[in-house]
Amino acid sequence: MSLAQARDREQRVARENLKPVGQSTHFVTGTWASLKDVWGSRELTSLLVRRELKARYKDSSLGIVWSLVRPLAQLLIYYFAIGQILGVARSIPSFAIFVFVGLTTWGLFVEIVQGGTTSITNNSGLIKKIYLPREIFPLASVGGALFNFGVQLIILVLATIVAGQIPLDLNLLYAPLSLTVLIFFATGFGILLAGLNVYLRDIQHLVEVAIMVLFWASPIVYSFSFVHDKLQGNWLEQLYLANPITLAVLGMQRAFWVAGTTESTSQNWPDDLAIRLWIALGISIVILWIGQRIFSRIQGNFAQEL
């Protein structure tokens, strides 16, 4: 290339308007760009979900049955240790269904958060090779968690049929609202923690400890009536009910735990549970938005850190 040609090329390049590539990191306007990128990669997200499920049950003789083993084992432990030995089952009708509703709901939250937290580091090889919307990796964990939850939900419904306590009243409407709250809330933290875990690997271990604490802060193996009787609606009870996980678990119990809503065995429920769930949904959407925007701001150096 001659000197004149080089100068001409330099001038043409100088006249070109530079266009940014990749996602916008602006906290507000970048949201729409991120949504378009994720939506455009929906087929790839679906492939990642299938890959994750295949890898999870690869070379396993029981396959998908393993998604039921852990919650059923927990159910047996809590049923006998807490329900029978400690006598909690005497004050909670249909204790087995009550616990299984809580464990199934809680398991969905745990899978989304834990899977999301390690989703970027577990896919480091792919992330270092090509550019993809990085949000699809924690979202793939959400898809895998929802698949396992669906299997467990089928077992739960079958259990209510066998027990003769089929949830067919209007309380069943609590289920979709509760699940939406839980999914948005868990996904928000899953995406945020996925980004932070790239820079600080201790995050995934802190998450395990936090999950252990949060388990006992939700009415999974004890009823809300126990909390209400002890706190009598004071500020500690209101703080307890400010937890979206607690509200989601209570909503699912209201939907599927028929024995707890009948007049003869009626349990205490929070006042205005539906309103609290709608408020929690709004908060969860904000958490999801903030988590995604922080993730977008810090994802620029993922390839180097990995």
C-alpha atoms as a PDB file:
ATOM      1  CA  MET A   1       0.000   0.000   0.000  1.00  0.00           C
ATOM      2  CA  SER A   2       1.396   3.385  -1.046  1.00  0.00           C
ATOM      3  CA  LEU A   3       1.707   6.352   1.296  1.00  0.00           C
ATOM      4  CA  ALA A   4      -1.096   8.194  -0.552  1.00  0.00           C
ATOM      5  CA  GLN A   5      -3.429   5.220  -0.215  1.00  0.00           C
ATOM      6  CA  ALA A   6      -2.632   4.929   3.471  1.00  0.00           C
ATOM      7  CA  ARG A   7      -3.410   8.609   4.057  1.00  0.00           C
ATOM      8  CA  ASP A   8      -6.650   8.337   2.068  1.00  0.00           C
ATOM      9  CA  ARG A   9      -7.721   5.352   4.143  1.00  0.00           C
ATOM     10  CA  GLU A  10      -6.870   7.182   7.359  1.00  0.00           C
ATOM     11  CA  GLN A  11      -9.023  10.129   6.299  1.00  0.00           C
ATOM     12  CA  ARG A  12     -11.976   7.888   5.401  1.00  0.00           C
ATOM     13  CA  VAL A  13     -11.750   6.117   8.766  1.00  0.00           C
ATOM     14  CA  ALA A  14     -11.633   9.474  10.555  1.00  0.00           C
ATOM     15  CA  ARG A  15     -14.866  10.530   8.827  1.00  0.00           C
ATOM     16  CA  GLU A  16     -16.740   7.401   9.935  1.00  0.00           C
ATOM     17  CA  ASN A  17     -18.984   7.687  12.975  1.00  0.00           C
ATOM     18  CA  LEU A  18     -17.906   5.198  15.608  1.00  0.00           C
ATOM     19  CA  LYS A  19     -20.634   2.873  16.856  1.00  0.00           C
ATOM     20  CA  PRO A  20     -20.498   1.135  20.235  1.00  0.00           C
ATOM     21  CA  VAL A  21     -20.638  -2.659  20.287  1.00  0.00           C
ATOM     22  CA  GLY A  22     -21.909  -4.910  23.025  1.00  0.00           C
ATOM     23  CA  GLN A  23     -24.516  -4.003  25.597  1.00  0.00           C
ATOM     24  CA  SER A  24     -25.096  -0.463  26.791  1.00  0.00           C
ATOM     25  CA  THR A  25     -24.034  -0.125  30.415  1.00  0.00           C
ATOM     26  CA  HIS A  26     -26.270   2.862  31.098  1.00  0.00           C
ATOM     27  CA  PHE A  27     -28.371   2.057  34.156  1.00  0.00           C
ATOM     28  CA  VAL A  28     -31.682   3.004  32.532  1.00  0.00           C
ATOM     29  CA  THR A  29     -31.404   2.966  28.739  1.00  0.00           C
ATOM     30  CA  GLY A  30     -29.268  -0.170  28.759  1.00  0.00           C
ATOM     31  CA  THR A  31     -32.164  -2.236  30.106  1.00  0.00           C
ATOM     32  CA  TRP A  32     -34.008  -2.362  26.797  1.00  0.00           C
ATOM     33  CA  ALA A  33     -30.836  -3.265  24.890  1.00  0.00           C
ATOM     34  CA  SER A  34     -30.141  -6.102  27.322  1.00  0.00           C
ATOM     35  CA  LEU A  35     -33.679  -7.431  26.964  1.00  0.00           C
ATOM     36  CA  LYS A  36     -33.360  -7.445  23.167  1.00  0.00           C
ATOM     37  CA  ASP A  37     -30.041  -9.298  23.359  1.00  0.00           C
ATOM     38  CA  VAL A  38     -31.446 -11.923  25.713  1.00  0.00           C
ATOM     39  CA  TRP A  39     -34.612 -12.347  23.653  1.00  0.00           C
ATOM     40  CA  GLY A  40     -32.541 -12.709  20.498  1.00  0.00           C
ATOM     41  CA  SER A  41     -30.591 -15.531  22.165  1.00  0.00           C
ATOM     42  CA  ARG A  42     -33.658 -17.427  23.433  1.00  0.00           C
ATOM     43  CA  GLU A  43     -32.934 -20.480  21.263  1.00  0.00           C
ATOM     44  CA  LEU A  44     -29.403 -20.660  22.627  1.00  0.00           C
ATOM     45  CA  THR A  45     -30.785 -20.337  26.163  1.00  0.00           C
ATOM     46  CA  SER A  46     -33.066 -23.291  25.457  1.00  0.00           C
ATOM     47  CA  LEU A  47     -30.073 -25.309  24.244  1.00  0.00           C
ATOM     48  CA  LEU A  48     -28.163 -24.447  27.427  1.00  0.00           C
ATOM     49  CA  VAL A  49     -31.095 -25.628  29.549  1.00  0.00           C
ATOM     50  CA  ARG A  50     -31.198 -28.957  27.723  1.00  0.00           C
ATOM     51  CA  ARG A  51     -27.422 -29.298  27.982  1.00  0.00           C
ATOM     52  CA  GLU A  52     -27.553 -28.652  31.727  1.00  0.00           C
ATOM     53  CA  LEU A  53     -30.289 -31.231  32.272  1.00  0.00           C
ATOM     54  CA  LYS A  54     -28.483 -33.835  30.155  1.00  0.00           C
ATOM     55  CA  ALA A  55     -25.207 -33.223  32.009  1.00  0.00           C
ATOM     56  CA  ARG A  56     -26.958 -33.461  35.381  1.00  0.00           C
ATOM     57  CA  TYR A  57     -28.420 -36.908  34.687  1.00  0.00           C
ATOM     58  CA  LYS A  58     -25.721 -38.236  32.342  1.00  0.00           C
ATOM     59  CA  ASP A  59     -24.818 -41.913  32.907  1.00  0.00           C
ATOM     60  CA  SER A  60     -27.463 -42.112  35.640  1.00  0.00           C
ATOM     61  CA  SER A  61     -29.691 -45.177  35.706  1.00  0.00           C
ATOM     62  CA  LEU A  62     -32.486 -43.323  37.527  1.00  0.00           C
ATOM     63  CA  GLY A  63     -32.212 -40.154  35.460  1.00  0.00           C
ATOM     64  CA  ILE A  64     -34.880 -37.578  36.249  1.00  0.00           C
ATOM     65  CA  VAL A  65     -35.984 -39.550  39.312  1.00  0.00           C
ATOM     66  CA  TRP A  66     -33.004 -38.038  41.142  1.00  0.00           C
ATOM     67  CA  SER A  67     -34.774 -34.670  41.074  1.00  0.00           C
ATOM     68  CA  LEU A  68     -37.242 -36.224  43.529  1.00  0.00           C
ATOM     69  CA  VAL A  69     -34.802 -38.066  45.775  1.00  0.00           C
ATOM     70  CA  ARG A  70     -33.499 -35.060  47.726  1.00  0.00           C
ATOM     71  CA  PRO A  71     -36.871 -33.425  48.529  1.00  0.00           C
ATOM     72  CA  LEU A  72     -38.400 -36.804  49.409  1.00  0.00           C
ATOM     73  CA  ALA A  73     -35.432 -37.633  51.664  1.00  0.00           C
ATOM     74  CA  GLN A  74     -35.772 -34.242  53.358  1.00  0.00           C
ATOM     75  CA  LEU A  75     -39.499 -34.835  53.716  1.00  0.00           C
ATOM     76  CA  LEU A  76     -38.926 -38.138  55.515  1.00  0.00           C
ATOM     77  CA  ILE A  77     -36.297 -36.630  57.823  1.00  0.00           C
ATOM     78  CA  TYR A  78     -38.385 -33.611  58.800  1.00  0.00           C
ATOM     79  CA  TYR A  79     -41.574 -35.657  59.034  1.00  0.00           C
ATOM     80  CA  PHE A  80     -40.140 -38.107  61.554  1.00  0.00           C
ATOM     81  CA  ALA A  81     -37.603 -35.887  63.355  1.00  0.00           C
ATOM     82  CA  ILE A  82     -39.690 -32.733  63.680  1.00  0.00           C
ATOM     83  CA  GLY A  83     -43.205 -33.944  63.012  1.00  0.00           C
ATOM     84  CA  GLN A  84     -43.287 -37.164  65.028  1.00  0.00           C
ATOM     85  CA  ILE A  85     -40.425 -37.058  67.539  1.00  0.00           C
ATOM     86  CA  LEU A  86     -40.794 -33.357  68.438  1.00  0.00           C
ATOM     87  CA  GLY A  87     -44.564 -33.552  68.027  1.00  0.00           C
ATOM     88  CA  VAL A  88     -45.006 -30.654  65.607  1.00  0.00           C
ATOM     89  CA  ALA A  89     -47.324 -32.768  63.436  1.00  0.00           C
ATOM     90  CA  ARG A  90     -49.937 -32.779  66.219  1.00  0.00           C
ATOM     91  CA  SER A  91     -50.599 -29.069  65.680  1.00  0.00           C
ATOM     92  CA  ILE A  92     -50.278 -29.113  61.872  1.00  0.00           C
ATOM     93  CA  PRO A  93     -52.881 -31.165  59.963  1.00  0.00           C
ATOM     94  CA  SER A  94     -51.630 -33.151  56.953  1.00  0.00           C
ATOM     95  CA  PHE A  95     -48.079 -32.428  58.053  1.00  0.00           C
ATOM     96  CA  ALA A  96     -46.489 -34.396  55.192  1.00  0.00           C
ATOM     97  CA  ILE A  97     -48.240 -32.334  52.499  1.00  0.00           C
ATOM     98  CA  PHE A  98     -47.525 -29.135  54.436  1.00  0.00           C
ATOM     99  CA  VAL A  99     -43.793 -29.879  54.527  1.00  0.00           C
ATOM    100  CA  PHE A 100     -43.626 -31.063  50.917  1.00  0.00           C
ATOM    101  CA  VAL A 101     -45.249 -27.835  49.682  1.00  0.00           C
ATOM    102  CA  GLY A 102     -42.630 -25.835  51.567  1.00  0.00           C
ATOM    103  CA  LEU A 103     -39.705 -27.991  50.454  1.00  0.00           C
ATOM    104  CA  THR A 104     -40.780 -27.900  46.804  1.00  0.00           C
ATOM    105  CA  THR A 105     -41.108 -24.115  46.844  1.00  0.00           C
ATOM    106  CA  TRP A 106     -37.862 -23.674  48.755  1.00  0.00           C
ATOM    107  CA  GLY A 107     -36.037 -26.045  46.412  1.00  0.00           C
ATOM    108  CA  LEU A 108     -36.958 -23.875  43.431  1.00  0.00           C
ATOM    109  CA  PHE A 109     -35.472 -20.810  45.111  1.00  0.00           C
ATOM    110  CA  VAL A 110     -32.279 -22.643  46.087  1.00  0.00           C
ATOM    111  CA  GLU A 111     -31.710 -24.118  42.616  1.00  0.00           C
ATOM    112  CA  ILE A 112     -32.157 -20.753  40.910  1.00  0.00           C
ATOM    113  CA  VAL A 113     -29.827 -18.888  43.278  1.00  0.00           C
ATOM    114  CA  GLN A 114     -27.110 -21.534  43.596  1.00  0.00           C
ATOM    115  CA  GLY A 115     -27.205 -22.432  39.899  1.00  0.00           C
ATOM    116  CA  GLY A 116     -27.129 -18.776  38.914  1.00  0.00           C
ATOM    117  CA  THR A 117     -24.235 -17.971  41.255  1.00  0.00           C
ATOM    118  CA  THR A 118     -21.909 -20.503  39.604  1.00  0.00           C
ATOM    119  CA  SER A 119     -23.318 -20.255  36.068  1.00  0.00           C
ATOM    120  CA  ILE A 120     -20.646 -17.883  34.722  1.00  0.00           C
ATOM    121  CA  THR A 121     -17.655 -19.638  36.289  1.00  0.00           C
ATOM    122  CA  ASN A 122     -18.978 -23.038  35.188  1.00  0.00           C
ATOM    123  CA  ASN A 123     -19.177 -21.834  31.577  1.00  0.00           C
ATOM    124  CA  SER A 124     -15.842 -20.017  31.545  1.00  0.00           C
ATOM    125  CA  GLY A 125     -14.565 -21.921  28.504  1.00  0.00           C
ATOM    126  CA  LEU A 126     -17.463 -20.787  26.340  1.00  0.00           C
ATOM    127  CA  ILE A 127     -17.426 -17.213  27.647  1.00  0.00           C
ATOM    128  CA  LYS A 128     -13.708 -16.790  26.891  1.00  0.00           C
ATOM    129  CA  LYS A 129     -14.115 -17.954  23.295  1.00  0.00           C
ATOM    130  CA  ILE A 130     -17.116 -16.045  21.947  1.00  0.00           C
ATOM    131  CA  TYR A 131     -19.312 -13.113  22.905  1.00  0.00           C
ATOM    132  CA  LEU A 132     -22.809 -13.980  24.058  1.00  0.00           C
ATOM    133  CA  PRO A 133     -25.272 -12.125  26.258  1.00  0.00           C
ATOM    134  CA  ARG A 134     -23.886 -13.361  29.577  1.00  0.00           C
ATOM    135  CA  GLU A 135     -27.329 -13.225  31.214  1.00  0.00           C
ATOM    136  CA  ILE A 136     -28.351 -16.363  29.329  1.00  0.00           C
ATOM    137  CA  PHE A 137     -26.169 -18.515  31.594  1.00  0.00           C
ATOM    138  CA  PRO A 138     -27.962 -17.723  34.880  1.00  0.00           C
ATOM    139  CA  LEU A 139     -31.248 -17.793  32.950  1.00  0.00           C
ATOM    140  CA  ALA A 140     -30.429 -21.310  31.783  1.00  0.00           C
ATOM    141  CA  SER A 141     -30.091 -22.256  35.454  1.00  0.00           C
ATOM    142  CA  VAL A 142     -33.576 -20.843  36.007  1.00  0.00           C
ATOM    143  CA  GLY A 143     -34.892 -23.049  33.211  1.00  0.00           C
ATOM    144  CA  GLY A 144     -33.308 -26.163  34.700  1.00  0.00           C
ATOM    145  CA  ALA A 145     -34.690 -25.322  38.139  1.00  0.00           C
ATOM    146  CA  LEU A 146     -38.192 -24.827  36.726  1.00  0.00           C
ATOM    147  CA  PHE A 147     -38.037 -28.211  35.011  1.00  0.00           C
ATOM    148  CA  ASN A 148     -37.184 -29.976  38.273  1.00  0.00           C
ATOM    149  CA  PHE A 149     -39.841 -27.970  40.093  1.00  0.00           C
ATOM    150  CA  GLY A 150     -42.420 -29.052  37.520  1.00  0.00           C
ATOM    151  CA  VAL A 151     -41.647 -32.716  38.186  1.00  0.00           C
ATOM    152  CA  GLN A 152     -41.938 -32.206  41.947  1.00  0.00           C
ATOM    153  CA  LEU A 153     -45.171 -30.239  41.521  1.00  0.00           C
ATOM    154  CA  ILE A 154     -46.733 -33.180  39.678  1.00  0.00           C
ATOM    155  CA  ILE A 155     -45.867 -35.436  42.628  1.00  0.00           C
ATOM    156  CA  LEU A 156     -47.346 -32.868  45.019  1.00  0.00           C
ATOM    157  CA  VAL A 157     -50.624 -32.750  43.097  1.00  0.00           C
ATOM    158  CA  LEU A 158     -50.772 -36.556  43.020  1.00  0.00           C
ATOM    159  CA  ALA A 159     -50.185 -36.610  46.789  1.00  0.00           C
ATOM    160  CA  THR A 160     -53.124 -34.255  47.367  1.00  0.00           C
ATOM    161  CA  ILE A 161     -55.324 -36.505  45.215  1.00  0.00           C
ATOM    162  CA  VAL A 162     -54.292 -39.634  47.137  1.00  0.00           C
ATOM    163  CA  ALA A 163     -54.918 -37.830  50.446  1.00  0.00           C
ATOM    164  CA  GLY A 164     -58.340 -36.696  49.249  1.00  0.00           C
ATOM    165  CA  GLN A 165     -57.370 -33.040  49.645  1.00  0.00           C
ATOM    166  CA  ILE A 166     -57.497 -31.783  46.083  1.00  0.00           C
ATOM    167  CA  PRO A 167     -56.968 -27.991  45.852  1.00  0.00           C
ATOM    168  CA  LEU A 168     -59.902 -26.866  43.728  1.00  0.00           C
ATOM    169  CA  ASP A 169     -61.006 -23.647  45.434  1.00  0.00           C
ATOM    170  CA  LEU A 170     -60.033 -20.032  44.756  1.00  0.00           C
ATOM    171  CA  ASN A 171     -57.006 -20.351  47.042  1.00  0.00           C
ATOM    172  CA  LEU A 172     -55.291 -22.076  44.114  1.00  0.00           C
ATOM    173  CA  LEU A 173     -54.892 -18.617  42.557  1.00  0.00           C
ATOM    174  CA  TYR A 174     -52.207 -17.908  45.141  1.00  0.00           C
ATOM    175  CA  ALA A 175     -49.898 -20.374  43.351  1.00  0.00           C
ATOM    176  CA  PRO A 176     -49.073 -18.458  40.125  1.00  0.00           C
ATOM    177  CA  LEU A 177     -48.624 -15.188  42.012  1.00  0.00           C
ATOM    178  CA  SER A 178     -46.371 -16.812  44.620  1.00  0.00           C
ATOM    179  CA  LEU A 179     -44.265 -18.547  41.973  1.00  0.00           C
ATOM    180  CA  THR A 180     -43.854 -15.321  39.999  1.00  0.00           C
ATOM    181  CA  VAL A 181     -42.642 -13.527  43.125  1.00  0.00           C
ATOM    182  CA  LEU A 182     -40.198 -16.325  43.920  1.00  0.00           C
ATOM    183  CA  ILE A 183     -38.830 -16.624  40.371  1.00  0.00           C
ATOM    184  CA  PHE A 184     -38.263 -12.888  39.933  1.00  0.00           C
ATOM    185  CA  PHE A 185     -36.737 -12.521  43.391  1.00  0.00           C
ATOM    186  CA  ALA A 186     -34.424 -15.531  43.014  1.00  0.00           C
ATOM    187  CA  THR A 187     -33.426 -14.650  39.437  1.00  0.00           C
ATOM    188  CA  GLY A 188     -32.504 -11.117  40.474  1.00  0.00           C
ATOM    189  CA  PHE A 189     -30.131 -12.400  43.122  1.00  0.00           C
ATOM    190  CA  GLY A 190     -28.919 -15.232  40.882  1.00  0.00           C
ATOM    191  CA  ILE A 191     -27.840 -12.820  38.134  1.00  0.00           C
ATOM    192  CA  LEU A 192     -26.241 -10.387  40.586  1.00  0.00           C
ATOM    193  CA  LEU A 193     -24.334 -13.120  42.435  1.00  0.00           C
ATOM    194  CA  ALA A 194     -23.236 -14.696  39.135  1.00  0.00           C
ATOM    195  CA  GLY A 195     -21.381 -11.491  38.280  1.00  0.00           C
ATOM    196  CA  LEU A 196     -19.918 -10.946  41.736  1.00  0.00           C
ATOM    197  CA  ASN A 197     -18.745 -14.560  41.947  1.00  0.00           C
ATOM    198  CA  VAL A 198     -16.433 -14.015  38.971  1.00  0.00           C
ATOM    199  CA  TYR A 199     -14.431 -11.453  40.960  1.00  0.00           C
ATOM    200  CA  LEU A 200     -14.832 -12.959  44.428  1.00  0.00           C
ATOM    201  CA  ARG A 201     -15.145 -16.755  44.471  1.00  0.00           C
ATOM    202  CA  ASP A 202     -16.030 -16.744  48.170  1.00  0.00           C
ATOM    203  CA  ILE A 203     -19.492 -15.575  47.130  1.00  0.00           C
ATOM    204  CA  GLN A 204     -20.650 -19.097  46.276  1.00  0.00           C
ATOM    205  CA  HIS A 205     -19.675 -20.331  49.751  1.00  0.00           C
ATOM    206  CA  LEU A 206     -21.368 -17.376  51.436  1.00  0.00           C
ATOM    207  CA  VAL A 207     -24.512 -18.199  49.470  1.00  0.00           C
ATOM    208  CA  GLU A 208     -24.550 -21.716  50.921  1.00  0.00           C
ATOM    209  CA  VAL A 209     -24.416 -20.311  54.460  1.00  0.00           C
ATOM    210  CA  ALA A 210     -27.096 -17.703  53.723  1.00  0.00           C
ATOM    211  CA  ILE A 211     -29.394 -20.359  52.270  1.00  0.00           C
ATOM    212  CA  MET A 212     -29.031 -22.463  55.407  1.00  0.00           C
ATOM    213  CA  VAL A 213     -30.089 -19.486  57.553  1.00  0.00           C
ATOM    214  CA  LEU A 214     -32.951 -18.458  55.267  1.00  0.00           C
ATOM    215  CA  PHE A 215     -34.397 -21.975  55.392  1.00  0.00           C
ATOM    216  CA  TRP A 216     -35.242 -21.543  59.062  1.00  0.00           C
ATOM    217  CA  ALA A 217     -36.498 -18.007  58.456  1.00  0.00           C
ATOM    218  CA  SER A 218     -39.359 -19.365  56.338  1.00  0.00           C
ATOM    219  CA  PRO A 219     -42.383 -21.443  57.474  1.00  0.00           C
ATOM    220  CA  ILE A 220     -41.331 -24.702  55.850  1.00  0.00           C
ATOM    221  CA  VAL A 221     -41.180 -27.177  58.752  1.00  0.00           C
ATOM    222  CA  TYR A 222     -43.194 -25.036  61.166  1.00  0.00           C
ATOM    223  CA  SER A 223     -46.441 -23.175  60.520  1.00  0.00           C
ATOM    224  CA  PHE A 224     -47.006 -19.434  60.469  1.00  0.00           C
ATOM    225  CA  SER A 225     -49.431 -19.971  63.359  1.00  0.00           C
ATOM    226  CA  PHE A 226     -46.432 -20.779  65.561  1.00  0.00           C
ATOM    227  CA  VAL A 227     -44.770 -17.475  64.610  1.00  0.00           C
ATOM    228  CA  HIS A 228     -47.969 -15.495  65.074  1.00  0.00           C
ATOM    229  CA  ASP A 229     -48.659 -17.009  68.501  1.00  0.00           C
ATOM    230  CA  LYS A 230     -45.165 -16.075  69.677  1.00  0.00           C
ATOM    231  CA  LEU A 231     -44.897 -12.593  68.164  1.00  0.00           C
ATOM    232  CA  GLN A 232     -48.550 -11.507  68.270  1.00  0.00           C
ATOM    233  CA  GLY A 233     -48.269  -9.287  65.220  1.00  0.00           C
ATOM    234  CA  ASN A 234     -45.479  -7.062  66.567  1.00  0.00           C
ATOM    235  CA  TRP A 235     -42.731  -5.464  64.489  1.00  0.00           C
ATOM    236  CA  LEU A 236     -40.701  -8.680  64.451  1.00  0.00           C
ATOM    237  CA  GLU A 237     -43.592 -10.465  62.776  1.00  0.00           C
ATOM    238  CA  GLN A 238     -43.866  -7.673  60.220  1.00  0.00           C
ATOM    239  CA  LEU A 239     -40.128  -7.985  59.573  1.00  0.00           C
ATOM    240  CA  TYR A 240     -40.570 -11.746  59.194  1.00  0.00           C
ATOM    241  CA  LEU A 241     -43.319 -11.145  56.622  1.00  0.00           C
ATOM    242  CA  ALA A 242     -41.171  -8.660  54.700  1.00  0.00           C
ATOM    243  CA  ASN A 243     -39.226 -11.617  53.283  1.00  0.00           C
ATOM    244  CA  PRO A 244     -40.534 -12.419  49.755  1.00  0.00           C
ATOM    245  CA  ILE A 245     -39.490 -16.057  50.222  1.00  0.00           C
ATOM    246  CA  THR A 246     -41.689 -16.344  53.306  1.00  0.00           C
ATOM    247  CA  LEU A 247     -44.630 -14.830  51.439  1.00  0.00           C
ATOM    248  CA  ALA A 248     -44.111 -17.137  48.451  1.00  0.00           C
ATOM    249  CA  VAL A 249     -44.025 -20.208  50.701  1.00  0.00           C
ATOM    250  CA  LEU A 250     -47.167 -19.044  52.518  1.00  0.00           C
ATOM    251  CA  GLY A 251     -48.902 -18.432  49.191  1.00  0.00           C
ATOM    252  CA  MET A 252     -48.067 -21.932  47.955  1.00  0.00           C
ATOM    253  CA  GLN A 253     -49.257 -23.418  51.240  1.00  0.00           C
ATOM    254  CA  ARG A 254     -52.500 -21.472  50.930  1.00  0.00           C
ATOM    255  CA  ALA A 255     -52.921 -22.924  47.430  1.00  0.00           C
ATOM    256  CA  PHE A 256     -52.050 -26.601  47.995  1.00  0.00           C
ATOM    257  CA  TRP A 257     -52.319 -27.262  51.738  1.00  0.00           C
ATOM    258  CA  VAL A 258     -56.078 -27.768  51.856  1.00  0.00           C
ATOM    259  CA  ALA A 259     -56.114 -29.005  55.461  1.00  0.00           C
ATOM    260  CA  GLY A 260     -54.749 -25.673  56.645  1.00  0.00           C
ATOM    261  CA  THR A 261     -57.572 -23.669  55.093  1.00  0.00           C
ATOM    262  CA  THR A 262     -60.629 -25.675  56.180  1.00  0.00           C
ATOM    263  CA  GLU A 263     -62.746 -24.272  58.989  1.00  0.00           C
ATOM    264  CA  SER A 264     -62.211 -27.228  61.324  1.00  0.00           C
ATOM    265  CA  THR A 265     -58.403 -27.051  61.164  1.00  0.00           C
ATOM    266  CA  SER A 266     -57.909 -23.467  60.037  1.00  0.00           C
ATOM    267  CA  GLN A 267     -54.464 -22.012  60.664  1.00  0.00           C
ATOM    268  CA  ASN A 268     -53.471 -18.394  61.155  1.00  0.00           C
ATOM    269  CA  TRP A 269     -52.586 -16.610  57.932  1.00  0.00           C
ATOM    270  CA  PRO A 270     -51.100 -13.121  57.492  1.00  0.00           C
ATOM    271  CA  ASP A 271     -53.600 -10.342  57.019  1.00  0.00           C
ATOM    272  CA  ASP A 272     -53.914  -9.312  53.374  1.00  0.00           C
ATOM    273  CA  LEU A 273     -51.582 -12.053  52.113  1.00  0.00           C
ATOM    274  CA  ALA A 274     -52.543 -11.338  48.497  1.00  0.00           C
ATOM    275  CA  ILE A 275     -51.719  -7.632  48.871  1.00  0.00           C
ATOM    276  CA  ARG A 276     -48.401  -8.484  50.508  1.00  0.00           C
ATOM    277  CA  LEU A 277     -47.594 -10.788  47.590  1.00  0.00           C
ATOM    278  CA  TRP A 278     -48.346  -8.073  45.030  1.00  0.00           C
ATOM    279  CA  ILE A 279     -46.076  -5.678  46.916  1.00  0.00           C
ATOM    280  CA  ALA A 280     -43.391  -8.387  47.054  1.00  0.00           C
ATOM    281  CA  LEU A 281     -43.767  -8.856  43.294  1.00  0.00           C
ATOM    282  CA  GLY A 282     -43.067  -5.170  42.703  1.00  0.00           C
ATOM    283  CA  ILE A 283     -40.020  -5.326  44.975  1.00  0.00           C
ATOM    284  CA  SER A 284     -38.801  -8.501  43.241  1.00  0.00           C
ATOM    285  CA  ILE A 285     -39.054  -6.860  39.813  1.00  0.00           C
ATOM    286  CA  VAL A 286     -36.963  -3.931  41.067  1.00  0.00           C
ATOM    287  CA  ILE A 287     -34.388  -6.351  42.531  1.00  0.00           C
ATOM    288  CA  LEU A 288     -34.239  -8.219  39.212  1.00  0.00           C
ATOM    289  CA  TRP A 289     -33.729  -4.962  37.305  1.00  0.00           C
ATOM    290  CA  ILE A 290     -31.006  -3.708  39.670  1.00  0.00           C
ATOM    291  CA  GLY A 291     -29.285  -7.104  39.664  1.00  0.00           C
ATOM    292  CA  GLN A 292     -29.229  -7.211  35.871  1.00  0.00           C
ATOM    293  CA  ARG A 293     -27.934  -3.660  35.537  1.00  0.00           C
ATOM    294  CA  ILE A 294     -25.106  -4.271  38.009  1.00  0.00           C
ATOM    295  CA  PHE A 295     -24.316  -7.506  36.162  1.00  0.00           C
ATOM    296  CA  SER A 296     -24.197  -5.578  32.886  1.00  0.00           C
ATOM    297  CA  ARG A 297     -21.812  -2.995  34.338  1.00  0.00           C
ATOM    298  CA  ILE A 298     -19.306  -5.541  35.664  1.00  0.00           C
ATOM    299  CA  GLN A 299     -19.402  -8.143  32.878  1.00  0.00           C
ATOM    300  CA  GLY A 300     -16.839  -6.353  30.701  1.00  0.00           C
ATOM    301  CA  ASN A 301     -13.849  -8.088  32.311  1.00  0.00           C
ATOM    302  CA  PHE A 302     -15.388 -11.538  32.744  1.00  0.00           C
ATOM    303  CA  ALA A 303     -13.175 -13.149  30.091  1.00  0.00           C
ATOM    304  CA  GLN A 304      -9.992 -11.767  31.685  1.00  0.00           C
ATOM    305  CA  GLU A 305     -11.023 -12.741  35.221  1.00  0.00           C
ATOM    306  CA  LEU A 306     -11.990 -16.253  34.172  1.00  0.00           C
END
